[in-house]
C-alpha atoms as a PDB file:
ATOM      1  CA  MET A   1     -59.346 194.377  28.523  1.00  0.00           C
ATOM      2  CA  SER A   2     -62.539 192.875  29.184  1.00  0.00           C
ATOM      3  CA  LEU A   3     -62.844 188.893  30.043  1.00  0.00           C
ATOM      4  CA  VAL A   4     -65.158 188.913  26.627  1.00  0.00           C
ATOM      5  CA  ARG A   5     -62.364 190.916  24.670  1.00  0.00           C
ATOM      6  CA  TRP A   6     -59.454 188.209  25.710  1.00  0.00           C
ATOM      7  CA  SER A   7     -61.896 185.697  24.548  1.00  0.00           C
ATOM      8  CA  VAL A   8     -62.203 187.191  21.113  1.00  0.00           C
ATOM      9  CA  ALA A   9     -58.087 187.960  21.105  1.00  0.00           C
ATOM     10  CA  LEU A  10     -57.393 184.209  21.796  1.00  0.00           C
ATOM     11  CA  GLY A  11     -60.439 182.810  19.783  1.00  0.00           C
ATOM     12  CA  LEU A  12     -58.929 184.418  16.572  1.00  0.00           C
ATOM     13  CA  ALA A  13     -55.236 183.814  17.224  1.00  0.00           C
ATOM     14  CA  GLY A  14     -56.450 180.232  17.659  1.00  0.00           C
ATOM     15  CA  LEU A  15     -58.338 180.577  14.423  1.00  0.00           C
ATOM     16  CA  CYS A  16     -55.634 181.789  12.367  1.00  0.00           C
ATOM     17  CA  ILE A  17     -52.942 179.175  13.776  1.00  0.00           C
ATOM     18  CA  SER A  18     -55.669 176.153  13.130  1.00  0.00           C
ATOM     19  CA  ALA A  19     -56.305 177.951   9.647  1.00  0.00           C
ATOM     20  CA  TYR A  20     -52.577 177.835   8.883  1.00  0.00           C
ATOM     21  CA  LEU A  21     -52.302 174.201   9.805  1.00  0.00           C
ATOM     22  CA  THR A  22     -55.385 173.079   7.579  1.00  0.00           C
ATOM     23  CA  LEU A  23     -53.840 174.956   4.660  1.00  0.00           C
ATOM     24  CA  ALA A  24     -50.303 173.113   5.193  1.00  0.00           C
ATOM     25  CA  HIS A  25     -52.039 170.221   5.196  1.00  0.00           C
ATOM     26  CA  PHE A  26     -54.063 170.678   2.292  1.00  0.00           C
ATOM     27  CA  ALA A  27     -51.511 172.155   0.230  1.00  0.00           C
ATOM     28  CA  GLN A  28     -49.235 169.206   0.714  1.00  0.00           C
ATOM     29  CA  GLY A  29     -45.603 170.689   1.094  1.00  0.00           C
ATOM     30  CA  GLU A  30     -46.644 174.043  -1.302  1.00  0.00           C
ATOM     31  CA  VAL A  31     -47.431 176.215   2.069  1.00  0.00           C
ATOM     32  CA  PRO A  32     -44.225 175.772   4.633  1.00  0.00           C
ATOM     33  CA  LEU A  33     -44.752 173.841   7.916  1.00  0.00           C
ATOM     34  CA  ALA A  34     -42.715 176.519   9.817  1.00  0.00           C
ATOM     35  CA  CYS A  35     -41.838 174.272  12.829  1.00  0.00           C
ATOM     36  CA  ILE A  36     -38.754 172.288  14.061  1.00  0.00           C
ATOM     37  CA  ALA A  37     -38.660 169.166  12.356  1.00  0.00           C
ATOM     38  CA  ALA A  38     -36.293 167.238  14.268  1.00  0.00           C
ATOM     39  CA  GLY A  39     -35.937 165.090  17.211  1.00  0.00           C
ATOM     40  CA  PRO A  40     -39.161 165.414  19.865  1.00  0.00           C
ATOM     41  CA  ILE A  41     -40.117 168.704  18.288  1.00  0.00           C
ATOM     42  CA  ASN A  42     -41.484 167.289  14.865  1.00  0.00           C
ATOM     43  CA  CYS A  43     -44.302 169.334  13.439  1.00  0.00           C
ATOM     44  CA  GLU A  44     -44.449 167.321  10.805  1.00  0.00           C
ATOM     45  CA  GLN A  45     -44.383 164.226  12.316  1.00  0.00           C
ATOM     46  CA  VAL A  46     -47.502 164.986  14.289  1.00  0.00           C
ATOM     47  CA  THR A  47     -49.394 166.910  11.775  1.00  0.00           C
ATOM     48  CA  THR A  48     -48.876 163.797   9.020  1.00  0.00           C
ATOM     49  CA  SER A  49     -49.453 161.020  11.744  1.00  0.00           C
ATOM     50  CA  ALA A  50     -52.749 158.762  11.455  1.00  0.00           C
ATOM     51  CA  GLU A  51     -53.848 160.600  14.902  1.00  0.00           C
ATOM     52  CA  SER A  52     -53.682 163.913  12.985  1.00  0.00           C
ATOM     53  CA  MET A  53     -57.081 162.787  10.937  1.00  0.00           C
ATOM     54  CA  VAL A  54     -60.250 162.249  12.162  1.00  0.00           C
ATOM     55  CA  GLY A  55     -62.174 160.498   9.286  1.00  0.00           C
ATOM     56  CA  PRO A  56     -61.104 162.409   6.220  1.00  0.00           C
ATOM     57  CA  LEU A  57     -60.474 165.357   8.079  1.00  0.00           C
ATOM     58  CA  PRO A  58     -57.723 166.772   9.417  1.00  0.00           C
ATOM     59  CA  VAL A  59     -57.621 167.678  13.301  1.00  0.00           C
ATOM     60  CA  ALA A  60     -56.646 171.238  12.245  1.00  0.00           C
ATOM     61  CA  PHE A  61     -59.442 171.607  10.356  1.00  0.00           C
ATOM     62  CA  LEU A  62     -61.870 171.054  13.175  1.00  0.00           C
ATOM     63  CA  GLY A  63     -59.928 173.225  14.961  1.00  0.00           C
ATOM     64  CA  VAL A  64     -61.053 175.857  13.023  1.00  0.00           C
ATOM     65  CA  VAL A  65     -64.727 175.138  13.032  1.00  0.00           C
ATOM     66  CA  TRP A  66     -64.218 174.991  16.942  1.00  0.00           C
ATOM     67  CA  PHE A  67     -62.809 178.582  16.815  1.00  0.00           C
ATOM     68  CA  ALA A  68     -65.257 179.739  14.779  1.00  0.00           C
ATOM     69  CA  VAL A  69     -68.219 177.964  16.856  1.00  0.00           C
ATOM     70  CA  LEU A  70     -66.625 179.266  19.920  1.00  0.00           C
ATOM     71  CA  LEU A  71     -66.324 183.126  18.042  1.00  0.00           C
ATOM     72  CA  GLY A  72     -70.140 182.839  17.224  1.00  0.00           C
ATOM     73  CA  LEU A  73     -70.906 181.998  20.830  1.00  0.00           C
ATOM     74  CA  ILE A  74     -69.361 185.118  21.955  1.00  0.00           C
ATOM     75  CA  GLY A  75     -70.413 187.531  18.970  1.00  0.00           C
ATOM     76  CA  PRO A  76     -73.840 187.110  16.843  1.00  0.00           C
ATOM     77  CA  ALA A  77     -75.230 184.231  18.803  1.00  0.00           C
ATOM     78  CA  ARG A  78     -74.829 185.800  21.938  1.00  0.00           C
ATOM     79  CA  ALA A  79     -78.429 187.905  21.152  1.00  0.00           C
ATOM     80  CA  TRP A  80     -80.204 185.007  21.028  1.00  0.00           C
ATOM     81  CA  LEU A  81     -78.972 182.444  23.340  1.00  0.00           C
ATOM     82  CA  LEU A  82     -80.643 181.984  26.855  1.00  0.00           C
ATOM     83  CA  SER A  83     -77.419 181.626  28.709  1.00  0.00           C
ATOM     84  CA  PRO A  84     -74.159 182.184  26.214  1.00  0.00           C
ATOM     85  CA  VAL A  85     -71.480 182.338  29.140  1.00  0.00           C
ATOM     86  CA  LEU A  86     -72.422 178.688  30.166  1.00  0.00           C
ATOM     87  CA  LEU A  87     -72.970 177.490  26.719  1.00  0.00           C
ATOM     88  CA  ARG A  88     -69.057 179.055  26.346  1.00  0.00           C
ATOM     89  CA  LEU A  89     -67.944 177.012  29.334  1.00  0.00           C
ATOM     90  CA  ALA A  90     -69.732 173.828  28.130  1.00  0.00           C
ATOM     91  CA  TRP A  91     -67.967 174.170  24.705  1.00  0.00           C
ATOM     92  CA  THR A  92     -64.697 175.408  25.915  1.00  0.00           C
ATOM     93  CA  ALA A  93     -64.706 172.033  28.540  1.00  0.00           C
ATOM     94  CA  VAL A  94     -65.276 170.024  25.552  1.00  0.00           C
ATOM     95  CA  GLY A  95     -62.230 171.883  23.787  1.00  0.00           C
ATOM     96  CA  VAL A  96     -60.203 171.199  27.173  1.00  0.00           C
ATOM     97  CA  ALA A  97     -60.718 167.313  27.195  1.00  0.00           C
ATOM     98  CA  VAL A  98     -60.032 166.986  23.293  1.00  0.00           C
ATOM     99  CA  VAL A  99     -56.751 168.805  24.049  1.00  0.00           C
ATOM    100  CA  PHE A 100     -56.029 166.512  26.830  1.00  0.00           C
ATOM    101  CA  TYR A 101     -56.439 163.414  24.347  1.00  0.00           C
ATOM    102  CA  LEU A 102     -54.280 165.050  21.797  1.00  0.00           C
ATOM    103  CA  ILE A 103     -51.716 165.941  24.096  1.00  0.00           C
ATOM    104  CA  TYR A 104     -51.886 162.449  25.169  1.00  0.00           C
ATOM    105  CA  ALA A 105     -51.613 161.252  21.484  1.00  0.00           C
ATOM    106  CA  GLU A 106     -48.353 163.547  20.860  1.00  0.00           C
ATOM    107  CA  LEU A 107     -46.616 162.044  23.804  1.00  0.00           C
ATOM    108  CA  PHE A 108     -47.380 158.477  23.832  1.00  0.00           C
ATOM    109  CA  LEU A 109     -49.229 157.879  20.461  1.00  0.00           C
ATOM    110  CA  ILE A 110     -46.776 159.656  18.033  1.00  0.00           C
ATOM    111  CA  GLY A 111     -43.600 160.179  20.098  1.00  0.00           C
ATOM    112  CA  ALA A 112     -43.402 164.220  19.008  1.00  0.00           C
ATOM    113  CA  VAL A 113     -44.634 167.749  19.469  1.00  0.00           C
ATOM    114  CA  CYS A 114     -45.968 170.325  17.298  1.00  0.00           C
ATOM    115  CA  LEU A 115     -45.245 173.405  18.503  1.00  0.00           C
ATOM    116  CA  TRP A 116     -48.220 175.121  16.739  1.00  0.00           C
ATOM    117  CA  CYS A 117     -50.135 172.388  18.215  1.00  0.00           C
ATOM    118  CA  THR A 118     -49.303 173.219  21.839  1.00  0.00           C
ATOM    119  CA  ALA A 119     -50.014 177.060  21.009  1.00  0.00           C
ATOM    120  CA  VAL A 120     -53.572 176.089  20.053  1.00  0.00           C
ATOM    121  CA  HIS A 121     -53.802 173.639  23.372  1.00  0.00           C
ATOM    122  CA  GLY A 122     -52.714 176.683  25.338  1.00  0.00           C
ATOM    123  CA  LEU A 123     -55.152 178.824  23.824  1.00  0.00           C
ATOM    124  CA  VAL A 124     -58.128 176.334  24.048  1.00  0.00           C
ATOM    125  CA  LEU A 125     -56.997 176.082  27.868  1.00  0.00           C
ATOM    126  CA  GLY A 126     -56.797 179.987  28.138  1.00  0.00           C
ATOM    127  CA  LEU A 127     -60.321 180.188  26.807  1.00  0.00           C
ATOM    128  CA  PHE A 128     -61.585 177.720  29.375  1.00  0.00           C
ATOM    129  CA  LEU A 129     -60.206 179.575  31.997  1.00  0.00           C
ATOM    130  CA  LEU A 130     -61.298 182.824  30.795  1.00  0.00           C
ATOM    131  CA  ALA A 131     -65.340 181.264  30.459  1.00  0.00           C
ATOM    132  CA  LEU A 132     -64.530 180.072  33.711  1.00  0.00           C
ATOM    133  CA  GLY A 133     -63.923 183.242  34.939  1.00  0.00           C
ATOM    134  CA  GLU A 134     -66.895 184.540  33.407  1.00  0.00           C
ATOM    135  CA  THR A 135     -69.202 181.958  34.533  1.00  0.00           C
ATOM    136  CA  THR A 136     -67.981 183.107  38.099  1.00  0.00           C
ATOM    137  CA  THR A 137     -68.902 186.866  37.711  1.00  0.00           C
ATOM    138  CA  VAL A 138     -72.068 186.298  36.271  1.00  0.00           C
ATOM    139  CA  VAL A 139     -73.507 183.459  38.827  1.00  0.00           C
ATOM    140  CA  GLU A 140     -72.198 185.254  41.639  1.00  0.00           C
ATOM    141  CA  PRO A 141     -74.743 185.870  44.435  1.00  0.00           C
ATOM    142  CA  ALA A 142     -75.708 189.608  44.948  1.00  0.00           C
END
């Protein structure tokens, strides 16, 4: 499977998880949050914390936007962008920076970890590594 196809697969997985977490947030208990809710693994504690919001928006919704933009950089936008590979590398680097903050928030500000969020964090890191790999294959000298 090519790096681009792996990127699409990981991007779609991240989009689905982020959409699920966004739906669970806005449904306010009508959509179950399928995750452990006890001890250090507590998705509900993480997704309802003050750190789970950026202004009026849940971080999960920002994840939906992030993954949608990423998929656009892989697909339709690729035709008119001068350097879609480098732009995707920059976009995923920003995503990794945000993931580092979110992990910090989970561990030190909230005191709990969300398994769904951890899956998204892993997907973002994987997407960064794929973009990095694709960049090195594009930029290699002849």
